[in-house]
Amino acid sequence: MEEELSPLAREIISRLVFEEVYENIVDELNHANPYEVADEVKTLIARDIVKPCRDLQNGKTSGFIYDSDHMTDYSFTLTAKGMGLLETLLKDSR
C-alpha cells in the first residue's frame, strides 16, 4: 500500500537523504510557510518516514526523542521506511 503524501511532504523527504538541520529545510522551502513545514515534519516523524537525527545543543544522537517546540535544535533524516518511499516516488516520476 503506497502512502499518500502532500506535495510539501514530497519536497521535504527529497531533501533528507542526508542529515539536514531544520533551518536549512525551511530555507530551501522558502515558498512554504515555516509553520506548515514544521507541521509536515512532525507528521512525517509520526508516520515513521523522518526521524530526528541529532540534538544540536549537545551534539548527541536524538533517536526518536525531540522537543517539537524547538525544531531548530535538531537535525533530521529519513528512516528506512522514508528512504523506501522516496525510492518509490523517484521510480514513479520517471
Protein backbone atom coordinates (compact mmCIF):
# COMPACT_ATOMS: atom_id res chain seq x y z
CA MET A 1 0.00 0.00 0.00
CA GLU A 2 1.52 3.29 -1.10
CA GLU A 3 1.44 6.16 1.36
CA GLU A 4 -0.28 9.40 0.38
CA LEU A 5 2.00 12.41 0.69
CA SER A 6 1.29 16.07 0.21
CA PRO A 7 3.42 17.98 -2.30
CA LEU A 8 5.19 19.67 0.64
CA ALA A 9 5.92 16.30 2.27
CA ARG A 10 7.42 15.08 -1.01
CA GLU A 11 9.69 18.13 -1.15
CA ILE A 12 10.77 17.61 2.45
CA ILE A 13 11.67 13.94 2.09
CA SER A 14 13.60 14.65 -1.10
CA ARG A 15 15.90 16.88 0.98
CA LEU A 16 16.51 14.41 3.80
CA VAL A 17 18.56 11.65 2.20
CA PHE A 18 21.39 13.01 4.33
CA GLU A 19 21.15 14.66 7.74
CA GLU A 20 19.80 18.20 7.45
CA VAL A 21 19.22 20.85 10.12
CA TYR A 22 15.70 22.18 10.39
CA GLU A 23 16.67 25.76 9.46
CA ASN A 24 18.14 24.56 6.14
CA ILE A 25 14.95 22.65 5.34
CA VAL A 26 12.90 25.82 5.89
CA ASP A 27 15.39 27.94 3.88
CA GLU A 28 15.28 25.54 0.94
CA LEU A 29 11.48 25.56 1.00
CA ASN A 30 11.26 29.35 1.07
CA HIS A 31 7.92 29.25 -0.81
CA ALA A 32 6.32 27.43 2.14
CA ASN A 33 5.17 28.84 5.45
CA PRO A 34 7.67 27.78 8.19
CA TYR A 35 4.78 26.67 10.43
CA GLU A 36 3.46 24.40 7.68
CA VAL A 37 6.94 22.94 7.23
CA ALA A 38 7.17 22.27 10.98
CA ASP A 39 3.75 20.60 11.00
CA GLU A 40 4.65 18.47 8.00
CA VAL A 41 7.98 17.36 9.52
CA LYS A 42 6.15 16.42 12.75
CA THR A 43 3.61 14.43 10.73
CA LEU A 44 6.38 12.65 8.83
CA ILE A 45 8.03 11.77 12.15
CA ALA A 46 4.74 10.40 13.50
CA ARG A 47 4.40 8.29 10.32
CA ASP A 48 7.99 6.95 10.77
CA ILE A 49 9.15 8.47 7.48
CA VAL A 50 11.50 11.05 9.04
CA LYS A 51 13.39 10.88 12.32
CA PRO A 52 15.24 13.36 14.48
CA CYS A 53 18.91 12.66 13.97
CA ARG A 54 20.93 14.81 16.34
CA ASP A 55 20.33 17.28 19.15
CA LEU A 56 22.36 20.31 18.03
CA GLN A 57 22.54 21.73 21.55
CA ASN A 58 24.62 18.87 22.92
CA GLY A 59 25.69 17.00 19.76
CA LYS A 60 24.11 13.74 20.90
CA THR A 61 22.12 11.41 18.70
CA SER A 62 18.49 12.07 19.48
CA GLY A 63 16.94 8.84 18.16
CA PHE A 64 13.19 9.27 18.34
CA ILE A 65 13.11 11.83 21.15
CA TYR A 66 12.87 15.51 20.27
CA ASP A 67 11.19 18.68 21.52
CA SER A 68 8.58 19.64 18.93
CA ASP A 69 8.51 23.19 20.29
CA HIS A 70 12.21 23.62 19.44
CA MET A 71 12.59 22.13 15.97
CA THR A 72 15.62 24.35 15.27
CA ASP A 73 17.57 22.41 17.93
CA TYR A 74 17.62 19.25 15.80
CA SER A 75 18.74 17.76 12.54
CA PHE A 76 16.56 15.29 10.66
CA THR A 77 16.96 12.45 8.18
CA LEU A 78 14.88 9.75 6.51
CA THR A 79 14.12 6.45 8.18
CA ALA A 80 14.46 3.20 6.23
CA LYS A 81 10.74 3.43 5.52
CA GLY A 82 11.22 7.01 4.29
CA MET A 83 14.11 6.00 2.06
CA GLY A 84 12.00 3.24 0.52
CA LEU A 85 9.15 5.68 -0.03
CA LEU A 86 11.46 8.19 -1.69
CA GLU A 87 12.81 5.45 -3.95
CA THR A 88 9.25 4.55 -4.98
CA LEU A 89 8.41 8.20 -5.65
CA LEU A 90 11.51 8.61 -7.81
CA LYS A 91 10.71 5.45 -9.82
CA ASP A 92 7.11 6.60 -10.34
CA SER A 93 8.23 10.00 -11.60
CA ARG A 94 10.24 8.53 -14.49
